[in-house]
């Protein structure tokens, strides 16, 4: 995010010049590849159900798919759809245990997202 602020400075008698001051929250511009990856991650999060899902998993540390139906008020196929999108984006990591998949947040992926957004 770039913040701009205009100011006027005096350049001799009666002459003023506009000076723009900007600060960036990102240390360096994103490469094309990094921008594509960031867009993919943000697109995966651009759904209220998926944001809630990540929040639930992060709060518990690890959650079975079967335990997400009630808090999300969604069917198992819908939950599977959302977890698949989040896993492909690298936000969730799943481990198959018997019939069910247990999910956890990929903390490194979220740390990279936080850094990319300047946090």
Protein backbone atom coordinates (compact mmCIF):
# COMPACT_ATOMS: atom_id res chain seq x y z
CA UNK A 1 0.00 0.00 0.00
CA UNK A 2 1.39 3.38 -0.92
CA UNK A 3 0.51 6.42 1.08
CA UNK A 4 1.00 9.74 -0.64
CA UNK A 5 1.03 13.16 0.84
CA UNK A 6 1.53 16.39 -1.05
CA UNK A 7 3.42 19.28 0.42
CA UNK A 8 4.57 22.64 -0.87
CA UNK A 9 8.08 23.85 -0.39
CA UNK A 10 9.40 27.33 -1.05
CA UNK A 11 11.95 27.55 -3.83
CA UNK A 12 13.04 31.15 -3.49
CA UNK A 13 10.84 34.21 -3.46
CA UNK A 14 7.25 33.40 -4.42
CA UNK A 15 8.12 30.08 -6.13
CA UNK A 16 6.64 26.87 -4.74
CA UNK A 17 7.07 23.30 -5.83
CA UNK A 18 4.81 20.37 -4.98
CA UNK A 19 6.73 17.55 -3.32
CA UNK A 20 5.23 14.08 -3.04
CA UNK A 21 6.15 11.96 -0.06
CA UNK A 22 5.34 8.28 -0.24
CA UNK A 23 6.07 5.35 1.98
CA UNK A 24 5.60 1.69 1.15
CA UNK A 25 4.63 -1.04 3.57
CA UNK A 26 6.40 -3.58 1.35
CA UNK A 27 10.20 -3.58 1.39
CA UNK A 28 10.50 -4.32 -2.35
CA UNK A 29 8.09 -4.63 -5.25
CA UNK A 30 6.70 -8.12 -5.83
CA UNK A 31 8.05 -10.13 -8.72
CA UNK A 32 5.55 -11.35 -11.30
CA UNK A 33 5.78 -14.89 -9.91
CA UNK A 34 5.28 -13.68 -6.32
CA UNK A 35 2.28 -11.58 -7.41
CA UNK A 36 0.70 -14.60 -9.13
CA UNK A 37 1.22 -16.74 -6.02
CA UNK A 38 -0.15 -14.03 -3.74
CA UNK A 39 -3.20 -13.59 -5.97
CA UNK A 40 -3.83 -17.36 -5.86
CA UNK A 41 -3.64 -17.36 -2.08
CA UNK A 42 -5.89 -14.32 -1.71
CA UNK A 43 -8.40 -15.80 -4.17
CA UNK A 44 -8.57 -18.94 -2.03
CA UNK A 45 -9.35 -16.78 1.01
CA UNK A 46 -11.87 -14.61 -0.84
CA UNK A 47 -14.87 -16.51 0.50
CA UNK A 48 -16.51 -16.06 3.92
CA UNK A 49 -16.86 -19.82 4.46
CA UNK A 50 -13.18 -20.40 3.75
CA UNK A 51 -12.11 -17.56 6.02
CA UNK A 52 -14.24 -19.04 8.83
CA UNK A 53 -12.86 -22.49 8.07
CA UNK A 54 -9.26 -21.28 8.39
CA UNK A 55 -10.20 -19.46 11.58
CA UNK A 56 -11.74 -22.61 13.09
CA UNK A 57 -8.76 -24.78 12.16
CA UNK A 58 -6.25 -22.20 13.40
CA UNK A 59 -8.07 -21.84 16.72
CA UNK A 60 -8.06 -25.61 17.31
CA UNK A 61 -4.63 -26.37 15.89
CA UNK A 62 -5.95 -29.42 14.07
CA UNK A 63 -9.51 -30.34 13.09
CA UNK A 64 -11.15 -33.37 11.53
CA UNK A 65 -13.30 -32.64 8.46
CA UNK A 66 -16.18 -34.32 10.28
CA UNK A 67 -16.04 -31.64 12.99
CA UNK A 68 -16.46 -28.75 10.55
CA UNK A 69 -20.03 -29.50 9.42
CA UNK A 70 -21.85 -28.09 12.46
CA UNK A 71 -19.90 -24.85 13.03
CA UNK A 72 -19.92 -24.01 9.31
CA UNK A 73 -23.50 -25.25 8.74
CA UNK A 74 -22.34 -26.89 5.50
CA UNK A 75 -22.53 -30.41 4.12
CA UNK A 76 -19.47 -32.65 3.99
CA UNK A 77 -19.12 -32.32 0.19
CA UNK A 78 -19.14 -28.52 0.52
CA UNK A 79 -16.53 -28.64 3.27
CA UNK A 80 -14.42 -30.95 1.12
CA UNK A 81 -14.67 -28.47 -1.76
CA UNK A 82 -13.49 -25.57 0.44
CA UNK A 83 -10.68 -27.50 2.14
CA UNK A 84 -9.41 -28.66 -1.25
CA UNK A 85 -9.19 -25.06 -2.48
CA UNK A 86 -7.38 -23.99 0.69
CA UNK A 87 -4.99 -26.96 0.48
CA UNK A 88 -4.16 -26.24 -3.18
CA UNK A 89 -3.35 -22.65 -2.18
CA UNK A 90 -1.02 -23.96 0.54
CA UNK A 91 -3.06 -22.52 3.40
CA UNK A 92 -4.19 -25.84 4.88
CA UNK A 93 -2.37 -29.14 5.17
CA UNK A 94 -4.40 -32.32 5.38
CA UNK A 95 -3.52 -35.72 6.77
CA UNK A 96 -5.73 -38.69 5.94
CA UNK A 97 -6.52 -40.82 9.00
CA UNK A 98 -8.82 -43.67 8.17
CA UNK A 99 -11.93 -42.30 6.53
CA UNK A 100 -11.38 -38.66 7.51
CA UNK A 101 -8.88 -35.92 6.80
CA UNK A 102 -7.45 -33.90 9.64
CA UNK A 103 -6.59 -30.30 8.78
CA UNK A 104 -4.07 -27.85 10.17
CA UNK A 105 -2.99 -24.40 9.04
CA UNK A 106 0.35 -24.15 7.25
CA UNK A 107 1.87 -21.51 9.52
CA UNK A 108 4.77 -20.79 7.16
CA UNK A 109 2.35 -20.08 4.32
CA UNK A 110 0.41 -17.64 6.50
CA UNK A 111 3.66 -16.00 7.63
CA UNK A 112 4.63 -15.48 3.97
CA UNK A 113 1.20 -13.99 3.29
CA UNK A 114 1.60 -11.64 6.26
CA UNK A 115 5.07 -10.55 5.02
CA UNK A 116 3.80 -9.99 1.49
CA UNK A 117 1.05 -7.75 2.83
CA UNK A 118 3.55 -5.77 4.86
CA UNK A 119 2.63 -7.12 8.28
